[in-house]
Amino acid sequence: MQEKVEFYLGDILLPINPPNFELDPNGNNEIINIVSLGEVVIPKKRGLFQNTLSSYFPKEYETTPHILEQKINAMWEARSPISLVVTGLNQADYLVVIDDFTTDRRSGEHEDIYYTINVTEYVPYGAIEMYIPSSTENSEGEITAPPQPPPRTYENKPPTLRTHTVVRGDTLWAITRTKTGDPNRWRELYDLNKSVIINGVYELQIGTVLNIPESWV
C-alpha cells in the first residue's frame, strides 16, 4: 500500500498539498570543445536544488491560517536550515533554507491565506580542522616522531549518545535518517518515546529529550 503524500516543513504539516513538486538542481556539468573531438561534457557534482511550494491555508483547518503564517514567518526570519519531508515520494527528506515567503488573500476567500515559499537545499559546511603533529629532537640530536595515541578498543572508545535533544527543525524522519541512514525506521523512535511526544508524531517540542533505540547505537 502506497504511503499517503504529505508535505512537512519543519514541524508543520502543510494542510493542502502543493500541486507541483519538482526538484530543480543546478547543473554544473561543463561542455568544452576539443580539437578533433568536438564538444565533450565534463561531469561535475550537481548543484543545490531549489523548489517553490505554492498552496493555501484553509480557514477550516485545525490550526488557523494566521498561526501557520506566523510559524513559517518565524522559520524564514530565523535563517536556519529546516527539514522538508514529502511522504509517499520515496520518502523525500532534505534540509532547506527559506529564501522567500509571500502570502495573499483573495476576494471572496479572505479567511484563507494563499502562500508561496521558495526554498533552497542546505548542505552543512565549515572549515576542516587538521592537526599535524610536530617532530621532536632528543638529547642525542635524533629526530623522533611524537607519541601516537593507543588504538581504539572497546574500553577507550567514547560512549555513543543514547539520547537526542530536539532542536528547531527536527523531525522524527530527520533524526532517524541521521542515526540510521534509513528515515523509514522513524516509528521505532516514536514507539520508544510516546510518553514525551505530547503533540503527535509531527510536532516535536524543542528541548524534548528522546531516547535512542538500543539497536541504533
N, C-alpha and C. Protein backbone atom coordinates (compact mmCIF):
# COMPACT_ATOMS: atom_id res chain seq x y z
N MET A 1 0.84 -1.19 0.00
CA MET A 1 0.00 0.00 0.00
C MET A 1 0.88 1.25 0.00
N GLN A 2 0.66 2.15 -0.95
CA GLN A 2 1.48 3.34 -1.06
C GLN A 2 1.14 4.32 0.06
N GLU A 3 2.19 4.91 0.62
CA GLU A 3 2.01 5.86 1.72
C GLU A 3 1.38 7.14 1.19
N LYS A 4 0.55 7.76 2.02
CA LYS A 4 -0.12 8.99 1.66
C LYS A 4 0.90 10.10 1.45
N VAL A 5 0.69 10.91 0.40
CA VAL A 5 1.60 12.02 0.12
C VAL A 5 1.25 13.19 1.03
N GLU A 6 2.22 13.60 1.86
CA GLU A 6 2.05 14.73 2.74
C GLU A 6 3.34 15.54 2.75
N PHE A 7 3.20 16.85 2.94
CA PHE A 7 4.34 17.75 2.96
C PHE A 7 4.53 18.30 4.37
N TYR A 8 5.76 18.17 4.89
CA TYR A 8 6.11 18.71 6.20
C TYR A 8 7.26 19.70 6.02
N LEU A 9 7.06 20.92 6.50
CA LEU A 9 8.10 21.93 6.50
C LEU A 9 8.45 22.20 7.96
N GLY A 10 9.63 21.74 8.40
CA GLY A 10 9.92 21.78 9.82
C GLY A 10 8.91 20.90 10.55
N ASP A 11 8.24 21.45 11.56
CA ASP A 11 7.24 20.68 12.30
C ASP A 11 5.83 20.97 11.83
N ILE A 12 5.68 21.61 10.66
CA ILE A 12 4.36 21.99 10.15
C ILE A 12 3.93 21.05 9.03
N LEU A 13 2.76 20.46 9.18
CA LEU A 13 2.13 19.71 8.10
C LEU A 13 1.35 20.69 7.24
N LEU A 14 1.73 20.83 5.98
CA LEU A 14 1.01 21.74 5.09
C LEU A 14 -0.38 21.14 4.82
N PRO A 15 -1.45 21.85 5.16
CA PRO A 15 -2.80 21.26 5.10
C PRO A 15 -3.25 20.90 3.69
N ILE A 16 -2.86 21.68 2.69
CA ILE A 16 -3.23 21.41 1.30
C ILE A 16 -1.95 21.22 0.51
N ASN A 17 -1.76 20.04 -0.08
CA ASN A 17 -0.53 19.75 -0.80
C ASN A 17 -0.32 20.72 -1.96
N PRO A 18 0.90 21.22 -2.15
CA PRO A 18 1.20 21.99 -3.37
C PRO A 18 0.94 21.12 -4.60
N PRO A 19 0.36 21.69 -5.65
CA PRO A 19 0.02 20.87 -6.83
C PRO A 19 1.24 20.35 -7.58
N ASN A 20 2.38 21.04 -7.44
CA ASN A 20 3.59 20.63 -8.15
C ASN A 20 4.76 20.53 -7.18
N PHE A 21 5.59 19.50 -7.37
CA PHE A 21 6.81 19.36 -6.57
C PHE A 21 7.87 18.78 -7.47
N GLU A 22 8.76 19.64 -7.93
CA GLU A 22 9.83 19.21 -8.82
C GLU A 22 11.16 19.68 -8.25
N LEU A 23 12.10 18.74 -8.05
CA LEU A 23 13.43 19.11 -7.62
C LEU A 23 14.17 19.68 -8.83
N ASP A 24 14.73 20.86 -8.66
CA ASP A 24 15.38 21.55 -9.77
C ASP A 24 16.83 21.84 -9.42
N PRO A 25 17.70 20.81 -9.45
CA PRO A 25 19.10 21.06 -9.11
C PRO A 25 19.81 21.86 -10.20
N ASN A 26 20.72 22.72 -9.79
CA ASN A 26 21.50 23.48 -10.75
C ASN A 26 22.59 22.57 -11.32
N GLY A 27 22.57 22.37 -12.63
CA GLY A 27 23.57 21.53 -13.27
C GLY A 27 24.90 22.25 -13.38
N ASN A 28 25.98 21.57 -13.03
CA ASN A 28 27.30 22.17 -13.09
C ASN A 28 28.19 21.52 -14.15
N ASN A 29 27.61 20.61 -14.94
CA ASN A 29 28.44 19.97 -15.97
C ASN A 29 28.99 21.02 -16.94
N GLU A 30 30.21 20.80 -17.38
CA GLU A 30 30.88 21.77 -18.25
C GLU A 30 31.08 21.16 -19.63
N ILE A 31 30.71 21.90 -20.66
CA ILE A 31 30.90 21.45 -22.05
C ILE A 31 32.08 22.23 -22.63
N ILE A 32 33.06 21.48 -23.14
CA ILE A 32 34.22 22.12 -23.74
C ILE A 32 34.42 21.57 -25.15
N ASN A 33 35.16 22.31 -25.95
CA ASN A 33 35.42 21.90 -27.33
C ASN A 33 36.87 21.49 -27.46
N ILE A 34 37.08 20.24 -27.86
CA ILE A 34 38.43 19.71 -28.02
C ILE A 34 38.70 19.48 -29.51
N VAL A 35 39.84 20.00 -29.95
CA VAL A 35 40.20 19.85 -31.35
C VAL A 35 40.21 18.37 -31.73
N SER A 36 39.59 18.06 -32.83
CA SER A 36 39.48 16.71 -33.42
C SER A 36 38.41 15.86 -32.74
N LEU A 37 37.95 16.27 -31.55
CA LEU A 37 36.89 15.52 -30.88
C LEU A 37 35.56 16.26 -30.89
N GLY A 38 35.63 17.57 -30.98
CA GLY A 38 34.41 18.35 -30.92
C GLY A 38 34.01 18.62 -29.47
N GLU A 39 32.72 18.77 -29.23
CA GLU A 39 32.24 19.08 -27.89
C GLU A 39 32.21 17.82 -27.02
N VAL A 40 32.73 17.95 -25.81
CA VAL A 40 32.64 16.87 -24.83
C VAL A 40 32.15 17.47 -23.52
N VAL A 41 31.52 16.64 -22.70
CA VAL A 41 30.99 17.12 -21.42
C VAL A 41 31.86 16.59 -20.29
N ILE A 42 32.15 17.47 -19.34
CA ILE A 42 32.89 17.10 -18.14
C ILE A 42 31.88 17.08 -16.99
N PRO A 43 31.54 15.87 -16.52
CA PRO A 43 30.54 15.79 -15.44
C PRO A 43 31.10 16.33 -14.13
N LYS A 44 30.28 17.11 -13.45
CA LYS A 44 30.64 17.64 -12.14
C LYS A 44 29.49 17.40 -11.18
N LYS A 45 29.80 17.52 -9.91
CA LYS A 45 28.78 17.31 -8.89
C LYS A 45 27.62 18.29 -9.07
N ARG A 46 26.42 17.77 -8.90
CA ARG A 46 25.24 18.63 -9.11
C ARG A 46 25.21 19.77 -8.11
N GLY A 47 24.51 20.82 -8.49
CA GLY A 47 24.34 21.94 -7.58
C GLY A 47 23.19 21.71 -6.63
N LEU A 48 22.90 22.68 -5.80
CA LEU A 48 21.80 22.60 -4.84
C LEU A 48 20.47 22.73 -5.57
N PHE A 49 19.46 21.95 -5.13
CA PHE A 49 18.16 22.07 -5.77
C PHE A 49 17.39 23.24 -5.15
N GLN A 50 16.51 23.78 -5.95
CA GLN A 50 15.60 24.83 -5.50
C GLN A 50 14.17 24.40 -5.80
N ASN A 51 13.24 24.87 -5.01
CA ASN A 51 11.86 24.47 -5.21
C ASN A 51 10.93 25.58 -4.74
N THR A 52 9.76 25.64 -5.36
CA THR A 52 8.73 26.59 -4.96
C THR A 52 7.50 25.82 -4.52
N LEU A 53 7.06 26.06 -3.29
CA LEU A 53 5.85 25.44 -2.75
C LEU A 53 4.75 26.48 -2.74
N SER A 54 3.69 26.22 -3.48
CA SER A 54 2.57 27.17 -3.54
C SER A 54 1.27 26.43 -3.23
N SER A 55 0.50 26.95 -2.29
CA SER A 55 -0.80 26.38 -1.94
C SER A 55 -1.53 27.40 -1.07
N TYR A 56 -2.37 26.90 -0.14
CA TYR A 56 -3.06 27.85 0.74
C TYR A 56 -3.38 27.18 2.07
N PHE A 57 -3.59 28.01 3.09
CA PHE A 57 -4.01 27.57 4.41
C PHE A 57 -5.51 27.81 4.51
N PRO A 58 -6.34 26.75 4.58
CA PRO A 58 -7.79 26.94 4.61
C PRO A 58 -8.28 27.33 6.01
N LYS A 59 -9.36 28.09 6.05
CA LYS A 59 -9.89 28.55 7.33
C LYS A 59 -10.42 27.39 8.16
N GLU A 60 -10.80 26.25 7.52
CA GLU A 60 -11.39 25.14 8.27
C GLU A 60 -10.34 24.27 8.94
N TYR A 61 -9.05 24.51 8.70
CA TYR A 61 -8.01 23.64 9.24
C TYR A 61 -7.92 23.79 10.76
N GLU A 62 -7.43 22.73 11.44
CA GLU A 62 -7.38 22.74 12.91
C GLU A 62 -6.48 23.83 13.46
N THR A 63 -5.42 24.19 12.73
CA THR A 63 -4.59 25.34 13.09
C THR A 63 -4.96 26.49 12.18
N THR A 64 -5.24 27.65 12.75
CA THR A 64 -5.74 28.77 11.95
C THR A 64 -4.69 29.22 10.94
N PRO A 65 -5.14 29.71 9.78
CA PRO A 65 -4.20 30.19 8.76
C PRO A 65 -3.23 31.24 9.31
N HIS A 66 -3.72 32.09 10.20
CA HIS A 66 -2.86 33.15 10.74
C HIS A 66 -1.72 32.56 11.56
N ILE A 67 -2.00 31.52 12.35
CA ILE A 67 -0.95 30.90 13.16
C ILE A 67 0.08 30.22 12.26
N LEU A 68 -0.37 29.51 11.22
CA LEU A 68 0.55 28.88 10.28
C LEU A 68 1.42 29.92 9.59
N GLU A 69 0.82 31.04 9.23
CA GLU A 69 1.58 32.12 8.60
C GLU A 69 2.66 32.64 9.55
N GLN A 70 2.30 32.80 10.82
CA GLN A 70 3.28 33.27 11.81
C GLN A 70 4.43 32.30 11.98
N LYS A 71 4.11 30.99 12.04
CA LYS A 71 5.14 29.97 12.25
C LYS A 71 6.15 29.96 11.10
N ILE A 72 5.66 30.02 9.86
CA ILE A 72 6.57 29.98 8.72
C ILE A 72 7.36 31.28 8.63
N ASN A 73 6.73 32.40 8.98
CA ASN A 73 7.47 33.66 9.03
C ASN A 73 8.63 33.57 10.02
N ALA A 74 8.38 32.92 11.17
CA ALA A 74 9.42 32.77 12.18
C ALA A 74 10.57 31.91 11.65
N MET A 75 10.23 30.81 10.91
CA MET A 75 11.27 29.98 10.30
C MET A 75 12.10 30.79 9.32
N TRP A 76 11.43 31.60 8.51
CA TRP A 76 12.10 32.40 7.49
C TRP A 76 13.04 33.41 8.14
N GLU A 77 12.54 34.10 9.16
CA GLU A 77 13.33 35.13 9.82
C GLU A 77 14.51 34.53 10.59
N ALA A 78 14.37 33.27 11.05
CA ALA A 78 15.46 32.63 11.81
C ALA A 78 16.66 32.33 10.91
N ARG A 79 16.44 32.22 9.61
CA ARG A 79 17.52 31.94 8.65
C ARG A 79 18.29 30.66 9.01
N SER A 80 17.59 29.70 9.58
CA SER A 80 18.22 28.44 9.97
C SER A 80 17.70 27.33 9.06
N PRO A 81 18.52 26.30 8.79
CA PRO A 81 18.04 25.19 7.97
C PRO A 81 16.94 24.42 8.68
N ILE A 82 15.95 23.98 7.93
CA ILE A 82 14.84 23.19 8.45
C ILE A 82 14.64 22.00 7.54
N SER A 83 13.87 21.02 8.00
CA SER A 83 13.64 19.83 7.20
C SER A 83 12.44 20.02 6.27
N LEU A 84 12.55 19.47 5.08
CA LEU A 84 11.44 19.38 4.13
C LEU A 84 11.24 17.91 3.84
N VAL A 85 10.11 17.37 4.30
CA VAL A 85 9.82 15.95 4.15
C VAL A 85 8.57 15.80 3.30
N VAL A 86 8.64 14.93 2.30
CA VAL A 86 7.48 14.61 1.47
C VAL A 86 7.28 13.10 1.54
N THR A 87 6.24 12.66 2.22
CA THR A 87 5.97 11.23 2.32
C THR A 87 5.30 10.75 1.04
N GLY A 88 5.46 9.45 0.77
CA GLY A 88 4.81 8.86 -0.40
C GLY A 88 5.56 9.08 -1.70
N LEU A 89 6.67 9.84 -1.65
CA LEU A 89 7.50 10.05 -2.84
C LEU A 89 8.90 9.53 -2.55
N ASN A 90 8.97 8.24 -2.25
CA ASN A 90 10.25 7.63 -1.86
C ASN A 90 10.85 8.34 -0.66
N GLN A 91 9.98 8.85 0.22
CA GLN A 91 10.38 9.48 1.46
C GLN A 91 11.43 10.58 1.22
N ALA A 92 11.08 11.58 0.40
CA ALA A 92 11.97 12.71 0.18
C ALA A 92 12.17 13.45 1.49
N ASP A 93 13.42 13.66 1.85
CA ASP A 93 13.74 14.29 3.13
C ASP A 93 15.01 15.11 2.93
N TYR A 94 14.89 16.43 3.05
CA TYR A 94 16.01 17.32 2.79
C TYR A 94 16.09 18.38 3.87
N LEU A 95 17.27 18.95 4.00
CA LEU A 95 17.44 20.18 4.77
C LEU A 95 17.39 21.34 3.78
N VAL A 96 16.60 22.37 4.11
CA VAL A 96 16.45 23.51 3.23
C VAL A 96 16.50 24.80 4.04
N VAL A 97 16.71 25.90 3.34
CA VAL A 97 16.53 27.23 3.93
C VAL A 97 15.45 27.93 3.12
N ILE A 98 14.67 28.77 3.79
CA ILE A 98 13.61 29.52 3.11
C ILE A 98 14.21 30.78 2.51
N ASP A 99 14.11 30.92 1.19
CA ASP A 99 14.60 32.12 0.50
C ASP A 99 13.58 33.24 0.54
N ASP A 100 12.31 32.89 0.44
CA ASP A 100 11.27 33.91 0.35
C ASP A 100 9.94 33.30 0.76
N PHE A 101 9.11 34.09 1.42
CA PHE A 101 7.78 33.63 1.84
C PHE A 101 6.81 34.78 1.64
N THR A 102 5.85 34.58 0.74
CA THR A 102 4.85 35.62 0.46
C THR A 102 3.44 35.05 0.63
N THR A 103 2.52 35.88 1.06
CA THR A 103 1.13 35.46 1.26
C THR A 103 0.20 36.50 0.65
N ASP A 104 -1.01 36.05 0.35
CA ASP A 104 -2.04 36.99 -0.12
C ASP A 104 -3.41 36.43 0.19
N ARG A 105 -4.36 37.30 0.25
CA ARG A 105 -5.77 36.93 0.47
C ARG A 105 -6.56 37.34 -0.75
N ARG A 106 -7.49 36.47 -1.17
CA ARG A 106 -8.20 36.69 -2.41
C ARG A 106 -9.65 37.07 -2.16
N SER A 107 -10.20 37.79 -3.10
CA SER A 107 -11.57 38.26 -2.98
C SER A 107 -12.53 37.08 -2.83
N GLY A 108 -13.38 37.16 -1.82
CA GLY A 108 -14.35 36.10 -1.56
C GLY A 108 -13.79 34.97 -0.73
N GLU A 109 -12.47 34.96 -0.51
CA GLU A 109 -11.83 33.92 0.29
C GLU A 109 -10.89 34.56 1.30
N HIS A 110 -11.32 35.66 1.91
CA HIS A 110 -10.42 36.46 2.74
C HIS A 110 -9.94 35.72 4.00
N GLU A 111 -10.65 34.65 4.38
CA GLU A 111 -10.21 33.91 5.57
C GLU A 111 -9.17 32.85 5.24
N ASP A 112 -9.02 32.49 3.96
CA ASP A 112 -7.95 31.60 3.53
C ASP A 112 -6.71 32.44 3.23
N ILE A 113 -5.55 31.84 3.45
CA ILE A 113 -4.29 32.54 3.14
C ILE A 113 -3.53 31.73 2.09
N TYR A 114 -3.33 32.33 0.93
CA TYR A 114 -2.55 31.72 -0.13
C TYR A 114 -1.07 32.08 0.07
N TYR A 115 -0.19 31.15 -0.24
CA TYR A 115 1.23 31.40 0.03
C TYR A 115 2.11 30.85 -1.07
N THR A 116 3.31 31.39 -1.14
CA THR A 116 4.39 30.87 -1.98
C THR A 116 5.65 30.85 -1.14
N ILE A 117 6.30 29.68 -1.07
CA ILE A 117 7.53 29.53 -0.30
C ILE A 117 8.62 29.05 -1.25
N ASN A 118 9.68 29.83 -1.38
CA ASN A 118 10.83 29.43 -2.19
C ASN A 118 11.91 28.89 -1.26
N VAL A 119 12.39 27.69 -1.54
CA VAL A 119 13.41 27.07 -0.69
C VAL A 119 14.60 26.64 -1.53
N THR A 120 15.77 26.57 -0.87
CA THR A 120 16.99 26.07 -1.48
C THR A 120 17.58 25.00 -0.58
N GLU A 121 18.07 23.93 -1.17
CA GLU A 121 18.68 22.85 -0.41
C GLU A 121 19.86 23.38 0.42
N TYR A 122 19.99 22.88 1.64
CA TYR A 122 21.09 23.29 2.52
C TYR A 122 22.05 22.12 2.70
N VAL A 123 23.32 22.38 2.51
CA VAL A 123 24.37 21.38 2.77
C VAL A 123 25.29 21.95 3.83
N PRO A 124 25.44 21.26 4.97
CA PRO A 124 26.33 21.78 6.02
C PRO A 124 27.74 21.99 5.49
N TYR A 125 28.37 23.02 5.99
CA TYR A 125 29.73 23.32 5.57
C TYR A 125 30.50 23.91 6.73
N GLY A 126 31.78 24.05 6.57
CA GLY A 126 32.61 24.63 7.61
C GLY A 126 34.06 24.31 7.36
N ALA A 127 34.93 24.98 8.06
CA ALA A 127 36.36 24.75 7.90
C ALA A 127 36.73 23.37 8.44
N ILE A 128 37.62 22.69 7.76
CA ILE A 128 38.10 21.38 8.19
C ILE A 128 39.31 21.58 9.09
N GLU A 129 39.21 21.08 10.29
CA GLU A 129 40.32 21.20 11.23
C GLU A 129 41.31 20.05 11.02
N MET A 130 42.57 20.39 10.90
CA MET A 130 43.62 19.38 10.72
C MET A 130 44.68 19.58 11.79
N TYR A 131 45.15 18.50 12.34
CA TYR A 131 46.23 18.55 13.32
C TYR A 131 47.43 17.80 12.77
N ILE A 132 48.55 18.50 12.62
CA ILE A 132 49.77 17.89 12.12
C ILE A 132 50.77 17.87 13.27
N PRO A 133 51.03 16.71 13.86
CA PRO A 133 51.95 16.66 14.98
C PRO A 133 53.37 17.00 14.55
N SER A 134 54.07 17.72 15.38
CA SER A 134 55.44 18.11 15.06
C SER A 134 56.42 17.05 15.56
N SER A 135 57.53 16.93 14.83
CA SER A 135 58.58 16.02 15.26
C SER A 135 59.38 16.66 16.39
N THR A 136 60.08 15.85 17.17
CA THR A 136 60.89 16.36 18.28
C THR A 136 62.33 15.85 18.14
N GLU A 137 63.24 16.59 18.72
CA GLU A 137 64.66 16.20 18.68
C GLU A 137 65.09 15.82 20.09
N ASN A 138 65.65 14.59 20.24
CA ASN A 138 66.07 14.15 21.57
C ASN A 138 67.45 14.71 21.91
N SER A 139 67.97 14.35 23.08
CA SER A 139 69.24 14.90 23.56
C SER A 139 70.42 14.50 22.71
N GLU A 140 70.26 13.46 21.91
CA GLU A 140 71.36 13.00 21.07
C GLU A 140 71.25 13.53 19.64
N GLY A 141 70.33 14.45 19.43
CA GLY A 141 70.19 15.05 18.11
C GLY A 141 69.38 14.24 17.13
N GLU A 142 68.72 13.17 17.59
CA GLU A 142 67.94 12.33 16.69
C GLU A 142 66.50 12.87 16.62
N ILE A 143 65.97 12.87 15.40
CA ILE A 143 64.60 13.31 15.20
C ILE A 143 63.66 12.15 15.46
N THR A 144 62.73 12.36 16.35
CA THR A 144 61.78 11.29 16.68
C THR A 144 60.36 11.77 16.43
N ALA A 145 59.52 10.86 16.05
CA ALA A 145 58.11 11.19 15.83
C ALA A 145 57.41 11.31 17.18
N PRO A 146 56.38 12.15 17.26
CA PRO A 146 55.65 12.28 18.52
C PRO A 146 54.93 10.99 18.87
N PRO A 147 54.68 10.75 20.13
CA PRO A 147 54.00 9.52 20.53
C PRO A 147 52.60 9.47 19.92
N GLN A 148 52.19 8.31 19.50
CA GLN A 148 50.88 8.11 18.90
C GLN A 148 49.89 7.63 19.94
N PRO A 149 48.62 8.05 19.82
CA PRO A 149 47.62 7.56 20.76
C PRO A 149 47.41 6.08 20.61
N PRO A 150 46.99 5.40 21.66
CA PRO A 150 46.76 3.96 21.56
C PRO A 150 45.60 3.66 20.62
N PRO A 151 45.61 2.50 19.98
CA PRO A 151 44.49 2.15 19.09
C PRO A 151 43.19 2.08 19.87
N ARG A 152 42.12 2.42 19.16
CA ARG A 152 40.80 2.39 19.79
C ARG A 152 40.42 0.96 20.15
N THR A 153 39.98 0.77 21.35
CA THR A 153 39.45 -0.51 21.78
C THR A 153 38.07 -0.27 22.34
N TYR A 154 37.39 -1.33 22.67
CA TYR A 154 36.06 -1.18 23.23
C TYR A 154 36.09 -0.32 24.49
N GLU A 155 37.19 -0.48 25.28
CA GLU A 155 37.25 0.23 26.56
C GLU A 155 37.48 1.72 26.39
N ASN A 156 38.30 2.13 25.37
CA ASN A 156 38.61 3.54 25.28
C ASN A 156 37.85 4.29 24.19
N LYS A 157 36.85 3.65 23.58
CA LYS A 157 36.00 4.37 22.64
C LYS A 157 35.09 5.32 23.41
N PRO A 158 34.87 6.54 22.86
CA PRO A 158 33.95 7.45 23.53
C PRO A 158 32.54 6.86 23.53
N PRO A 159 31.78 7.07 24.57
CA PRO A 159 30.44 6.49 24.62
C PRO A 159 29.54 7.07 23.54
N THR A 160 28.72 6.21 22.95
CA THR A 160 27.75 6.66 21.96
C THR A 160 26.53 7.24 22.66
N LEU A 161 26.09 8.40 22.19
CA LEU A 161 24.94 9.04 22.83
C LEU A 161 23.70 8.18 22.67
N ARG A 162 23.00 7.97 23.77
CA ARG A 162 21.77 7.19 23.74
C ARG A 162 20.54 8.08 23.81
N THR A 163 20.74 9.40 23.78
CA THR A 163 19.62 10.33 23.77
C THR A 163 19.85 11.40 22.72
N HIS A 164 18.77 12.09 22.34
CA HIS A 164 18.86 13.20 21.40
C HIS A 164 17.95 14.31 21.90
N THR A 165 18.48 15.52 22.02
CA THR A 165 17.68 16.67 22.44
C THR A 165 17.17 17.40 21.22
N VAL A 166 15.86 17.58 21.13
CA VAL A 166 15.22 18.16 19.95
C VAL A 166 15.61 19.63 19.81
N VAL A 167 16.01 20.02 18.58
CA VAL A 167 16.30 21.41 18.26
C VAL A 167 15.34 21.86 17.16
N ARG A 168 15.37 23.15 16.87
CA ARG A 168 14.47 23.70 15.85
C ARG A 168 14.67 22.97 14.52
N GLY A 169 13.58 22.59 13.88
CA GLY A 169 13.64 21.93 12.58
C GLY A 169 13.71 20.42 12.64
N ASP A 170 13.91 19.85 13.85
CA ASP A 170 13.98 18.39 13.97
C ASP A 170 12.64 17.74 13.66
N THR A 171 12.69 16.60 12.99
CA THR A 171 11.52 15.74 12.80
C THR A 171 11.95 14.31 13.09
N LEU A 172 10.97 13.45 13.32
CA LEU A 172 11.31 12.05 13.53
C LEU A 172 12.06 11.48 12.33
N TRP A 173 11.65 11.90 11.12
CA TRP A 173 12.30 11.39 9.91
C TRP A 173 13.75 11.85 9.86
N ALA A 174 13.98 13.14 10.12
CA ALA A 174 15.34 13.67 10.02
C ALA A 174 16.26 13.05 11.06
N ILE A 175 15.77 12.89 12.30
CA ILE A 175 16.59 12.29 13.36
C ILE A 175 16.91 10.84 13.01
N THR A 176 15.90 10.11 12.53
CA THR A 176 16.10 8.70 12.18
C THR A 176 17.09 8.55 11.04
N ARG A 177 16.99 9.42 10.04
CA ARG A 177 17.93 9.35 8.92
C ARG A 177 19.36 9.60 9.39
N THR A 178 19.54 10.57 10.30
CA THR A 178 20.88 10.89 10.80
C THR A 178 21.46 9.72 11.59
N LYS A 179 20.62 9.06 12.40
CA LYS A 179 21.11 8.00 13.27
C LYS A 179 21.28 6.66 12.55
N THR A 180 20.41 6.37 11.56
CA THR A 180 20.43 5.04 10.95
C THR A 180 20.68 5.05 9.45
N GLY A 181 20.47 6.20 8.80
CA GLY A 181 20.58 6.24 7.34
C GLY A 181 19.30 5.83 6.65
N ASP A 182 18.30 5.38 7.41
CA ASP A 182 17.03 4.93 6.83
C ASP A 182 15.88 5.64 7.54
N PRO A 183 15.35 6.75 6.98
CA PRO A 183 14.30 7.51 7.66
C PRO A 183 13.00 6.73 7.85
N ASN A 184 12.83 5.63 7.08
CA ASN A 184 11.59 4.86 7.20
C ASN A 184 11.50 4.10 8.53
N ARG A 185 12.58 4.10 9.34
CA ARG A 185 12.55 3.44 10.65
C ARG A 185 12.08 4.39 11.76
N TRP A 186 11.47 5.53 11.38
CA TRP A 186 11.10 6.55 12.37
C TRP A 186 10.15 6.01 13.43
N ARG A 187 9.33 5.01 13.07
CA ARG A 187 8.35 4.52 14.05
C ARG A 187 9.04 3.84 15.24
N GLU A 188 10.24 3.27 15.06
CA GLU A 188 10.98 2.70 16.19
C GLU A 188 11.28 3.80 17.21
N LEU A 189 11.65 4.98 16.71
CA LEU A 189 11.95 6.11 17.59
C LEU A 189 10.68 6.62 18.26
N TYR A 190 9.60 6.67 17.48
CA TYR A 190 8.33 7.14 18.05
C TYR A 190 7.81 6.20 19.13
N ASP A 191 7.83 4.89 18.86
CA ASP A 191 7.30 3.92 19.83
C ASP A 191 8.06 3.98 21.15
N LEU A 192 9.35 4.28 21.10
CA LEU A 192 10.16 4.34 22.32
C LEU A 192 9.92 5.61 23.11
N ASN A 193 9.38 6.64 22.45
CA ASN A 193 9.26 7.96 23.10
C ASN A 193 7.83 8.50 23.12
N LYS A 194 6.83 7.61 23.03
CA LYS A 194 5.44 8.06 23.00
C LYS A 194 5.10 8.95 24.19
N SER A 195 5.68 8.65 25.34
CA SER A 195 5.29 9.36 26.56
C SER A 195 5.73 10.82 26.55
N VAL A 196 6.75 11.17 25.74
CA VAL A 196 7.23 12.56 25.73
C VAL A 196 6.86 13.30 24.45
N ILE A 197 6.37 12.59 23.44
CA ILE A 197 5.91 13.25 22.21
C ILE A 197 4.44 13.58 22.41
N ILE A 198 4.21 14.73 23.02
CA ILE A 198 2.86 15.04 23.53
C ILE A 198 1.95 15.68 22.49
N ASN A 199 2.49 16.19 21.39
CA ASN A 199 1.66 16.88 20.41
C ASN A 199 1.52 16.10 19.11
N GLY A 200 1.69 14.79 19.18
CA GLY A 200 1.54 13.98 17.98
C GLY A 200 2.87 13.75 17.29
N VAL A 201 2.82 12.91 16.27
CA VAL A 201 4.04 12.47 15.59
C VAL A 201 4.78 13.63 14.94
N TYR A 202 4.06 14.63 14.45
CA TYR A 202 4.67 15.59 13.56
C TYR A 202 5.11 16.89 14.24
N GLU A 203 4.88 17.06 15.54
CA GLU A 203 5.25 18.29 16.21
C GLU A 203 6.13 17.97 17.40
N LEU A 204 7.43 18.05 17.22
CA LEU A 204 8.37 17.80 18.31
C LEU A 204 8.66 19.11 19.02
N GLN A 205 8.58 19.10 20.33
CA GLN A 205 8.85 20.29 21.12
C GLN A 205 10.35 20.47 21.30
N ILE A 206 10.84 21.67 21.01
CA ILE A 206 12.26 21.97 21.19
C ILE A 206 12.64 21.73 22.66
N GLY A 207 13.76 21.05 22.85
CA GLY A 207 14.23 20.75 24.21
C GLY A 207 13.83 19.38 24.72
N THR A 208 12.90 18.72 24.00
CA THR A 208 12.50 17.37 24.42
C THR A 208 13.67 16.40 24.25
N VAL A 209 13.90 15.58 25.28
CA VAL A 209 14.98 14.59 25.22
C VAL A 209 14.40 13.25 24.79
N LEU A 210 14.84 12.76 23.64
CA LEU A 210 14.36 11.49 23.09
C LEU A 210 15.38 10.39 23.37
N ASN A 211 14.88 9.24 23.76
CA ASN A 211 15.74 8.07 23.91
C ASN A 211 15.97 7.44 22.53
N ILE A 212 17.19 7.00 22.28
CA ILE A 212 17.55 6.39 21.01
C ILE A 212 17.47 4.86 21.16
N PRO A 213 16.80 4.17 20.23
CA PRO A 213 16.71 2.69 20.34
C PRO A 213 18.08 2.06 20.46
N GLU A 214 18.16 1.04 21.30
CA GLU A 214 19.45 0.38 21.55
C GLU A 214 20.06 -0.20 20.29
N SER A 215 19.21 -0.64 19.35
CA SER A 215 19.73 -1.25 18.12
C SER A 215 20.36 -0.23 17.19
N TRP A 216 20.18 1.07 17.47
CA TRP A 216 20.73 2.12 16.60
C TRP A 216 22.16 2.50 16.97
N VAL A 217 22.62 2.10 18.14
CA VAL A 217 23.94 2.56 18.60
C VAL A 217 24.90 1.39 18.74
